[in-house]
Amino acid sequence: MPNSVKVFYWVWAFSFPYDYRYLPFPEEPTGLVFIGFWIVWLGVGGLIAIPLGDWIAKRNSS
């Protein structure tokens, strides 16, 4: 995977919105709820980064 895509994924992973007002958390979120949302956030980032990396690798190899 190209380095630019790796950087994109790490920036995505740690740009998790820590402002709880914008996330659909319950009234008193526990650490487990927060970790669950972060895992989903990482999964969405992976679903963006993997096809993007494949596309860039194919484009550069042509």
N, C-alpha and C. Protein backbone atom coordinates (compact mmCIF):
# COMPACT_ATOMS: atom_id res chain seq x y z
N MET A 1 0.85 -1.16 0.00
CA MET A 1 0.00 0.00 0.00
C MET A 1 0.90 1.24 0.00
N PRO A 2 0.58 2.23 -0.79
CA PRO A 2 1.41 3.45 -0.84
C PRO A 2 1.45 4.16 0.52
N ASN A 3 2.57 4.82 0.78
CA ASN A 3 2.74 5.52 2.05
C ASN A 3 1.69 6.60 2.26
N SER A 4 1.27 7.26 1.19
CA SER A 4 0.26 8.32 1.35
C SER A 4 -1.05 7.76 1.88
N VAL A 5 -1.40 6.54 1.49
CA VAL A 5 -2.63 5.92 1.98
C VAL A 5 -2.46 5.49 3.44
N LYS A 6 -1.27 5.04 3.79
CA LYS A 6 -1.02 4.69 5.19
C LYS A 6 -1.15 5.93 6.08
N VAL A 7 -0.61 7.04 5.62
CA VAL A 7 -0.73 8.29 6.38
C VAL A 7 -2.19 8.70 6.48
N PHE A 8 -2.94 8.57 5.38
CA PHE A 8 -4.37 8.90 5.41
C PHE A 8 -5.09 8.06 6.46
N TYR A 9 -4.78 6.77 6.52
CA TYR A 9 -5.46 5.89 7.46
C TYR A 9 -5.13 6.26 8.91
N TRP A 10 -3.87 6.56 9.20
CA TRP A 10 -3.51 6.94 10.57
C TRP A 10 -4.14 8.26 10.96
N VAL A 11 -4.19 9.20 10.04
CA VAL A 11 -4.86 10.47 10.34
C VAL A 11 -6.34 10.22 10.58
N TRP A 12 -6.96 9.37 9.75
CA TRP A 12 -8.37 9.02 9.93
C TRP A 12 -8.58 8.36 11.30
N ALA A 13 -7.71 7.41 11.65
CA ALA A 13 -7.89 6.65 12.89
C ALA A 13 -7.87 7.56 14.12
N PHE A 14 -7.00 8.54 14.11
CA PHE A 14 -6.87 9.40 15.29
C PHE A 14 -7.61 10.72 15.15
N SER A 15 -8.44 10.85 14.13
CA SER A 15 -9.30 12.02 14.02
C SER A 15 -10.70 11.71 14.50
N PHE A 16 -10.82 10.64 15.28
CA PHE A 16 -12.12 10.25 15.83
C PHE A 16 -12.73 11.44 16.55
N PRO A 17 -13.98 11.77 16.25
CA PRO A 17 -14.59 12.97 16.86
C PRO A 17 -14.81 12.79 18.36
N TYR A 18 -13.98 13.43 19.15
CA TYR A 18 -14.07 13.28 20.60
C TYR A 18 -15.18 14.14 21.21
N ASP A 19 -15.79 14.99 20.42
CA ASP A 19 -16.90 15.81 20.92
C ASP A 19 -18.16 14.95 20.91
N TYR A 20 -18.59 14.52 22.05
CA TYR A 20 -19.68 13.55 22.16
C TYR A 20 -21.01 14.07 21.65
N ARG A 21 -21.15 15.37 21.51
CA ARG A 21 -22.44 15.91 21.05
C ARG A 21 -22.78 15.44 19.64
N TYR A 22 -21.78 15.13 18.84
CA TYR A 22 -22.02 14.78 17.44
C TYR A 22 -22.12 13.27 17.21
N LEU A 23 -21.94 12.48 18.26
CA LEU A 23 -22.01 11.03 18.13
C LEU A 23 -23.29 10.52 18.80
N PRO A 24 -23.85 9.45 18.27
CA PRO A 24 -25.09 8.93 18.87
C PRO A 24 -24.84 8.09 20.11
N PHE A 25 -24.15 8.66 21.11
CA PHE A 25 -23.89 7.96 22.36
C PHE A 25 -25.12 7.97 23.25
N PRO A 26 -25.24 6.97 24.12
CA PRO A 26 -26.30 7.02 25.13
C PRO A 26 -26.02 8.14 26.16
N GLU A 27 -26.91 8.31 27.11
CA GLU A 27 -26.79 9.38 28.12
C GLU A 27 -25.43 9.38 28.81
N GLU A 28 -25.06 8.26 29.41
CA GLU A 28 -23.79 8.14 30.13
C GLU A 28 -22.92 7.10 29.43
N PRO A 29 -22.14 7.49 28.44
CA PRO A 29 -21.36 6.47 27.72
C PRO A 29 -20.26 5.88 28.59
N THR A 30 -20.10 4.59 28.50
CA THR A 30 -19.01 3.91 29.21
C THR A 30 -17.81 3.79 28.29
N GLY A 31 -16.72 3.33 28.82
CA GLY A 31 -15.53 3.15 28.00
C GLY A 31 -15.73 2.12 26.92
N LEU A 32 -16.54 1.10 27.22
CA LEU A 32 -16.81 0.04 26.25
C LEU A 32 -17.57 0.59 25.03
N VAL A 33 -18.52 1.47 25.28
CA VAL A 33 -19.27 2.10 24.18
C VAL A 33 -18.33 2.94 23.33
N PHE A 34 -17.46 3.70 23.98
CA PHE A 34 -16.50 4.53 23.26
C PHE A 34 -15.56 3.68 22.41
N ILE A 35 -15.05 2.59 22.97
CA ILE A 35 -14.16 1.70 22.23
C ILE A 35 -14.89 1.06 21.05
N GLY A 36 -16.14 0.69 21.24
CA GLY A 36 -16.94 0.13 20.15
C GLY A 36 -17.09 1.09 19.00
N PHE A 37 -17.40 2.35 19.31
CA PHE A 37 -17.51 3.35 18.25
C PHE A 37 -16.18 3.57 17.56
N TRP A 38 -15.07 3.52 18.29
CA TRP A 38 -13.76 3.73 17.69
C TRP A 38 -13.41 2.57 16.76
N ILE A 39 -13.78 1.35 17.14
CA ILE A 39 -13.52 0.19 16.27
C ILE A 39 -14.31 0.31 14.98
N VAL A 40 -15.55 0.76 15.07
CA VAL A 40 -16.34 0.99 13.85
C VAL A 40 -15.68 2.08 13.02
N TRP A 41 -15.19 3.14 13.66
CA TRP A 41 -14.49 4.22 12.96
C TRP A 41 -13.27 3.69 12.21
N LEU A 42 -12.49 2.80 12.86
CA LEU A 42 -11.32 2.21 12.20
C LEU A 42 -11.74 1.33 11.03
N GLY A 43 -12.85 0.61 11.17
CA GLY A 43 -13.34 -0.23 10.08
C GLY A 43 -13.74 0.58 8.87
N VAL A 44 -14.42 1.69 9.11
CA VAL A 44 -14.82 2.57 8.00
C VAL A 44 -13.57 3.13 7.32
N GLY A 45 -12.59 3.52 8.11
CA GLY A 45 -11.33 4.01 7.53
C GLY A 45 -10.64 2.96 6.69
N GLY A 46 -10.68 1.71 7.15
CA GLY A 46 -10.10 0.62 6.37
C GLY A 46 -10.85 0.38 5.08
N LEU A 47 -12.16 0.51 5.14
CA LEU A 47 -12.96 0.33 3.92
C LEU A 47 -12.69 1.44 2.90
N ILE A 48 -12.22 2.58 3.37
CA ILE A 48 -11.85 3.67 2.46
C ILE A 48 -10.40 3.48 1.99
N ALA A 49 -9.50 3.15 2.91
CA ALA A 49 -8.07 3.13 2.60
C ALA A 49 -7.66 1.96 1.71
N ILE A 50 -8.22 0.79 1.91
CA ILE A 50 -7.79 -0.38 1.13
C ILE A 50 -8.11 -0.23 -0.36
N PRO A 51 -9.34 0.10 -0.76
CA PRO A 51 -9.57 0.30 -2.20
C PRO A 51 -8.79 1.48 -2.76
N LEU A 52 -8.61 2.53 -1.96
CA LEU A 52 -7.84 3.68 -2.41
C LEU A 52 -6.39 3.29 -2.66
N GLY A 53 -5.82 2.50 -1.76
CA GLY A 53 -4.45 2.03 -1.94
C GLY A 53 -4.29 1.14 -3.15
N ASP A 54 -5.24 0.24 -3.37
CA ASP A 54 -5.21 -0.62 -4.55
C ASP A 54 -5.29 0.20 -5.83
N TRP A 55 -6.16 1.20 -5.82
CA TRP A 55 -6.34 2.04 -7.01
C TRP A 55 -5.05 2.82 -7.31
N ILE A 56 -4.42 3.38 -6.27
CA ILE A 56 -3.18 4.14 -6.48
C ILE A 56 -2.07 3.21 -6.94
N ALA A 57 -1.97 2.01 -6.37
CA ALA A 57 -0.92 1.07 -6.77
C ALA A 57 -1.10 0.65 -8.23
N LYS A 58 -2.33 0.39 -8.65
CA LYS A 58 -2.58 0.02 -10.05
C LYS A 58 -2.29 1.17 -10.99
N ARG A 59 -2.65 2.39 -10.57
CA ARG A 59 -2.43 3.56 -11.41
C ARG A 59 -0.95 3.82 -11.59
N ASN A 60 -0.16 3.64 -10.53
CA ASN A 60 1.28 3.91 -10.61
C ASN A 60 2.04 2.81 -11.33
N SER A 61 1.50 1.60 -11.37
CA SER A 61 2.19 0.50 -12.04
C SER A 61 1.98 0.51 -13.55
N SER A 62 1.04 1.26 -14.02
CA SER A 62 0.75 1.30 -15.48
C SER A 62 1.72 2.16 -16.22
